[in-house]
Amino acid sequence: MMGFGFGGPLSMLILLVAVVGLAMWLISALFPRVTSSTGSSAPPPVQSTHETALDILKKRYARGELTPDEYKDMLNDLLKDAS
């Protein structure tokens, strides 16, 4: 005989949702979010430093990204544009 007990499609869906929810809770409990040194999980604030083109050029030259000739050419271009 077919009854209307626990075993219908709706109850199986509820059971599946419960199992998935329990698995998600268990994973989040076992592997908490990595937090910063301040204890919050929010990303660190972006520092708004306004660098000029000359500052960037100097840093690139200091890191060795530019040859002395490239640096001089770009410096002349920047100084020419500034005047």
C-alpha atoms as a PDB file:
ATOM      1  CA  MET A   1       0.000   0.000   0.000  1.00  0.00           C
ATOM      2  CA  MET A   2       1.122   3.520  -0.668  1.00  0.00           C
ATOM      3  CA  GLY A   3       0.792   5.869   2.237  1.00  0.00           C
ATOM      4  CA  PHE A   4       1.510   9.545   2.760  1.00  0.00           C
ATOM      5  CA  GLY A   5       4.297   8.993   5.269  1.00  0.00           C
ATOM      6  CA  PHE A   6       7.897  10.184   5.433  1.00  0.00           C
ATOM      7  CA  GLY A   7       9.392   9.330   2.068  1.00  0.00           C
ATOM      8  CA  GLY A   8       7.739  11.542  -0.472  1.00  0.00           C
ATOM      9  CA  PRO A   9       9.580  13.901  -2.825  1.00  0.00           C
ATOM     10  CA  LEU A  10       9.008  16.943  -0.627  1.00  0.00           C
ATOM     11  CA  SER A  11      10.477  15.313   2.450  1.00  0.00           C
ATOM     12  CA  MET A  12      13.514  14.149   0.455  1.00  0.00           C
ATOM     13  CA  LEU A  13      14.068  17.721  -0.742  1.00  0.00           C
ATOM     14  CA  ILE A  14      13.865  19.031   2.829  1.00  0.00           C
ATOM     15  CA  LEU A  15      16.334  16.360   3.955  1.00  0.00           C
ATOM     16  CA  LEU A  16      18.738  17.256   1.123  1.00  0.00           C
ATOM     17  CA  VAL A  17      18.607  20.970   2.017  1.00  0.00           C
ATOM     18  CA  ALA A  18      19.234  20.135   5.666  1.00  0.00           C
ATOM     19  CA  VAL A  19      22.229  17.920   4.845  1.00  0.00           C
ATOM     20  CA  VAL A  20      23.776  20.557   2.545  1.00  0.00           C
ATOM     21  CA  GLY A  21      23.224  23.278   5.147  1.00  0.00           C
ATOM     22  CA  LEU A  22      24.794  21.132   7.847  1.00  0.00           C
ATOM     23  CA  ALA A  23      27.799  20.406   5.610  1.00  0.00           C
ATOM     24  CA  MET A  24      28.286  24.116   4.869  1.00  0.00           C
ATOM     25  CA  TRP A  25      28.087  24.971   8.576  1.00  0.00           C
ATOM     26  CA  LEU A  26      30.566  22.230   9.440  1.00  0.00           C
ATOM     27  CA  ILE A  27      33.065  23.369   6.811  1.00  0.00           C
ATOM     28  CA  SER A  28      32.827  27.006   7.932  1.00  0.00           C
ATOM     29  CA  ALA A  29      33.339  25.933  11.551  1.00  0.00           C
ATOM     30  CA  LEU A  30      36.375  23.791  10.724  1.00  0.00           C
ATOM     31  CA  PHE A  31      38.009  26.324   8.413  1.00  0.00           C
ATOM     32  CA  PRO A  32      37.416  29.854   9.741  1.00  0.00           C
ATOM     33  CA  ARG A  33      38.244  32.866   7.631  1.00  0.00           C
ATOM     34  CA  VAL A  34      41.765  34.197   7.739  1.00  0.00           C
ATOM     35  CA  THR A  35      41.786  37.432   9.675  1.00  0.00           C
ATOM     36  CA  SER A  36      44.180  40.333   9.649  1.00  0.00           C
ATOM     37  CA  SER A  37      46.328  41.315  12.600  1.00  0.00           C
ATOM     38  CA  THR A  38      43.543  43.600  13.835  1.00  0.00           C
ATOM     39  CA  GLY A  39      41.183  40.640  14.174  1.00  0.00           C
ATOM     40  CA  SER A  40      38.702  41.638  11.484  1.00  0.00           C
ATOM     41  CA  SER A  41      38.123  39.657   8.322  1.00  0.00           C
ATOM     42  CA  ALA A  42      37.725  42.802   6.225  1.00  0.00           C
ATOM     43  CA  PRO A  43      40.491  43.609   3.747  1.00  0.00           C
ATOM     44  CA  PRO A  44      42.928  46.302   4.810  1.00  0.00           C
ATOM     45  CA  PRO A  45      42.007  49.817   3.713  1.00  0.00           C
ATOM     46  CA  VAL A  46      43.577  51.114   0.544  1.00  0.00           C
ATOM     47  CA  GLN A  47      46.027  53.876   1.225  1.00  0.00           C
ATOM     48  CA  SER A  48      45.371  56.815  -1.021  1.00  0.00           C
ATOM     49  CA  THR A  49      48.800  58.123  -1.861  1.00  0.00           C
ATOM     50  CA  HIS A  50      48.939  60.492  -4.741  1.00  0.00           C
ATOM     51  CA  GLU A  51      52.097  59.807  -6.696  1.00  0.00           C
ATOM     52  CA  THR A  52      53.236  62.107  -9.423  1.00  0.00           C
ATOM     53  CA  ALA A  53      54.562  60.810 -12.717  1.00  0.00           C
ATOM     54  CA  LEU A  54      58.033  61.883 -11.610  1.00  0.00           C
ATOM     55  CA  ASP A  55      57.735  59.778  -8.426  1.00  0.00           C
ATOM     56  CA  ILE A  56      56.712  56.739 -10.449  1.00  0.00           C
ATOM     57  CA  LEU A  57      59.550  57.286 -12.905  1.00  0.00           C
ATOM     58  CA  LYS A  58      62.085  57.491 -10.079  1.00  0.00           C
ATOM     59  CA  LYS A  59      60.767  54.279  -8.517  1.00  0.00           C
ATOM     60  CA  ARG A  60      60.887  52.413 -11.814  1.00  0.00           C
ATOM     61  CA  TYR A  61      64.470  53.548 -12.349  1.00  0.00           C
ATOM     62  CA  ALA A  62      65.400  52.546  -8.802  1.00  0.00           C
ATOM     63  CA  ARG A  63      63.925  49.059  -9.338  1.00  0.00           C
ATOM     64  CA  GLY A  64      66.005  48.673 -12.491  1.00  0.00           C
ATOM     65  CA  GLU A  65      63.072  48.631 -14.883  1.00  0.00           C
ATOM     66  CA  LEU A  66      64.606  51.428 -16.972  1.00  0.00           C
ATOM     67  CA  THR A  67      68.030  51.959 -18.450  1.00  0.00           C
ATOM     68  CA  PRO A  68      69.755  55.283 -17.765  1.00  0.00           C
ATOM     69  CA  ASP A  69      68.983  56.412 -21.323  1.00  0.00           C
ATOM     70  CA  GLU A  70      65.296  55.533 -21.004  1.00  0.00           C
ATOM     71  CA  TYR A  71      65.166  57.335 -17.663  1.00  0.00           C
ATOM     72  CA  LYS A  72      66.746  60.497 -19.100  1.00  0.00           C
ATOM     73  CA  ASP A  73      64.406  60.481 -22.115  1.00  0.00           C
ATOM     74  CA  MET A  74      61.319  60.051 -19.963  1.00  0.00           C
ATOM     75  CA  LEU A  75      62.533  62.631 -17.455  1.00  0.00           C
ATOM     76  CA  ASN A  76      63.060  65.150 -20.259  1.00  0.00           C
ATOM     77  CA  ASP A  77      59.562  64.416 -21.579  1.00  0.00           C
ATOM     78  CA  LEU A  78      58.025  64.944 -18.153  1.00  0.00           C
ATOM     79  CA  LEU A  79      59.939  68.150 -17.496  1.00  0.00           C
ATOM     80  CA  LYS A  80      59.084  69.439 -20.954  1.00  0.00           C
ATOM     81  CA  ASP A  81      55.383  68.785 -20.371  1.00  0.00           C
ATOM     82  CA  ALA A  82      55.499  70.479 -16.951  1.00  0.00           C
ATOM     83  CA  SER A  83      56.735  73.779 -18.331  1.00  0.00           C
END
